[in-house]
Structures are given as C-alpha cells and as structure tokens.
C-alpha cells in the first residue's frame, strides 16, 4: 500500500492483487488451492477505508504511519 489516501475500490484491487500473488505461491510451493470470498474482501476494503478516514479526521493528521495502517488491515 502507498502512503496516499485511497478509496475502497483501490484498496480492494490492491488486496486482491496481494491475494492472487500469495495464492500462486502457495499453489507452487505447497500444492494448495486457496479461495477468497470476494464479498468479504469488499467488506474489508470498505472497513479499512472507513477506519483510516476516521483516524485521520479524529487525530487531524495527514496519513497514519505504516504500522497503524497495517493494524487496520489485520483488524
């Protein structure tokens, strides 16, 4: 992820790209076929976008640091 503000669509695309790369690696390395619920991915992207915006507005900062952004994704 970049340090610029994003919207849920951009976040969704980036997460999907990461999943696709990870899924390919797991198939090659371990023979695992991974599946992803795209509606849940959309929920994650929307929640991340909302939480990040809320954090920025509440703390009156430009963009949270990378660690905080990562924590929102893990949430």
C-alpha atoms as a PDB file:
ATOM      1  CA  UNK A   1       0.000   0.000   0.000  1.00  0.00           C
ATOM      2  CA  UNK A   2       1.103   3.544  -0.644  1.00  0.00           C
ATOM      3  CA  UNK A   3       1.139   6.416   1.827  1.00  0.00           C
ATOM      4  CA  UNK A   4      -1.523   8.336  -0.141  1.00  0.00           C
ATOM      5  CA  UNK A   5      -5.240   8.372   0.677  1.00  0.00           C
ATOM      6  CA  UNK A   6      -7.137   5.628  -1.073  1.00  0.00           C
ATOM      7  CA  UNK A   7     -10.732   4.691  -1.651  1.00  0.00           C
ATOM      8  CA  UNK A   8     -12.328   1.300  -1.077  1.00  0.00           C
ATOM      9  CA  UNK A   9     -12.060   0.345  -4.775  1.00  0.00           C
ATOM     10  CA  UNK A  10      -8.318   0.975  -4.880  1.00  0.00           C
ATOM     11  CA  UNK A  11      -7.857  -0.878  -1.597  1.00  0.00           C
ATOM     12  CA  UNK A  12      -9.948  -3.802  -2.885  1.00  0.00           C
ATOM     13  CA  UNK A  13      -7.842  -4.066  -6.049  1.00  0.00           C
ATOM     14  CA  UNK A  14      -4.584  -3.948  -4.096  1.00  0.00           C
ATOM     15  CA  UNK A  15      -5.710  -6.605  -1.608  1.00  0.00           C
ATOM     16  CA  UNK A  16      -6.943  -8.825  -4.431  1.00  0.00           C
ATOM     17  CA  UNK A  17      -3.581  -8.485  -6.187  1.00  0.00           C
ATOM     18  CA  UNK A  18      -1.766  -9.466  -2.966  1.00  0.00           C
ATOM     19  CA  UNK A  19      -4.064 -12.458  -2.509  1.00  0.00           C
ATOM     20  CA  UNK A  20      -3.556 -13.598  -6.104  1.00  0.00           C
ATOM     21  CA  UNK A  21       0.227 -13.464  -5.705  1.00  0.00           C
ATOM     22  CA  UNK A  22       0.067 -15.287  -2.362  1.00  0.00           C
ATOM     23  CA  UNK A  23      -2.306 -17.887  -3.786  1.00  0.00           C
ATOM     24  CA  UNK A  24       0.025 -18.566  -6.711  1.00  0.00           C
ATOM     25  CA  UNK A  25       2.960 -19.009  -4.324  1.00  0.00           C
ATOM     26  CA  UNK A  26       1.001 -21.446  -2.152  1.00  0.00           C
ATOM     27  CA  UNK A  27      -0.018 -23.451  -5.222  1.00  0.00           C
ATOM     28  CA  UNK A  28       3.568 -23.689  -6.453  1.00  0.00           C
ATOM     29  CA  UNK A  29       5.210 -24.309  -3.083  1.00  0.00           C
ATOM     30  CA  UNK A  30       2.655 -26.478  -1.301  1.00  0.00           C
ATOM     31  CA  UNK A  31       0.104 -27.508  -3.896  1.00  0.00           C
ATOM     32  CA  UNK A  32      -2.650 -25.634  -2.054  1.00  0.00           C
ATOM     33  CA  UNK A  33      -5.645 -24.156  -3.845  1.00  0.00           C
ATOM     34  CA  UNK A  34      -6.814 -21.076  -1.954  1.00  0.00           C
ATOM     35  CA  UNK A  35     -10.196 -19.443  -2.347  1.00  0.00           C
ATOM     36  CA  UNK A  36     -11.316 -15.938  -1.448  1.00  0.00           C
ATOM     37  CA  UNK A  37     -14.797 -14.675  -0.658  1.00  0.00           C
ATOM     38  CA  UNK A  38     -14.930 -11.504  -2.761  1.00  0.00           C
ATOM     39  CA  UNK A  39     -17.861 -10.051  -0.811  1.00  0.00           C
ATOM     40  CA  UNK A  40     -15.796 -10.341   2.362  1.00  0.00           C
ATOM     41  CA  UNK A  41     -12.836  -8.724   0.607  1.00  0.00           C
ATOM     42  CA  UNK A  42     -15.116  -5.807  -0.318  1.00  0.00           C
ATOM     43  CA  UNK A  43     -16.169  -5.568   3.332  1.00  0.00           C
ATOM     44  CA  UNK A  44     -12.516  -5.483   4.430  1.00  0.00           C
ATOM     45  CA  UNK A  45     -11.689  -2.757   1.895  1.00  0.00           C
ATOM     46  CA  UNK A  46     -14.690  -0.643   2.946  1.00  0.00           C
ATOM     47  CA  UNK A  47     -13.946  -1.077   6.652  1.00  0.00           C
ATOM     48  CA  UNK A  48     -10.290  -0.198   6.150  1.00  0.00           C
ATOM     49  CA  UNK A  49     -11.201   2.910   4.157  1.00  0.00           C
ATOM     50  CA  UNK A  50     -13.732   3.988   6.798  1.00  0.00           C
ATOM     51  CA  UNK A  51     -11.415   3.330   9.774  1.00  0.00           C
ATOM     52  CA  UNK A  52      -8.473   5.073   8.139  1.00  0.00           C
ATOM     53  CA  UNK A  53     -10.612   8.112   7.311  1.00  0.00           C
ATOM     54  CA  UNK A  54     -11.997   8.201  10.841  1.00  0.00           C
ATOM     55  CA  UNK A  55      -8.480   8.048  12.291  1.00  0.00           C
ATOM     56  CA  UNK A  56      -7.246  10.848  10.015  1.00  0.00           C
ATOM     57  CA  UNK A  57     -10.218  13.089  10.878  1.00  0.00           C
ATOM     58  CA  UNK A  58     -10.146  12.433  14.617  1.00  0.00           C
ATOM     59  CA  UNK A  59      -6.383  12.920  15.066  1.00  0.00           C
ATOM     60  CA  UNK A  60      -6.188  15.673  12.449  1.00  0.00           C
ATOM     61  CA  UNK A  61      -3.193  14.084  10.747  1.00  0.00           C
ATOM     62  CA  UNK A  62      -2.486  13.555   7.072  1.00  0.00           C
ATOM     63  CA  UNK A  63      -1.887   9.791   6.885  1.00  0.00           C
ATOM     64  CA  UNK A  64      -1.208   7.323   9.737  1.00  0.00           C
ATOM     65  CA  UNK A  65       2.141   5.571   9.767  1.00  0.00           C
ATOM     66  CA  UNK A  66       2.582   2.228   8.007  1.00  0.00           C
ATOM     67  CA  UNK A  67       2.340   0.203  11.233  1.00  0.00           C
ATOM     68  CA  UNK A  68      -1.045   1.710  12.081  1.00  0.00           C
ATOM     69  CA  UNK A  69      -2.262   1.140   8.517  1.00  0.00           C
ATOM     70  CA  UNK A  70      -1.161  -2.498   8.776  1.00  0.00           C
ATOM     71  CA  UNK A  71      -3.066  -2.851  12.050  1.00  0.00           C
ATOM     72  CA  UNK A  72      -6.268  -1.682  10.334  1.00  0.00           C
ATOM     73  CA  UNK A  73      -5.817  -4.349   7.655  1.00  0.00           C
ATOM     74  CA  UNK A  74      -5.269  -7.037  10.324  1.00  0.00           C
ATOM     75  CA  UNK A  75      -8.400  -5.882  12.154  1.00  0.00           C
END
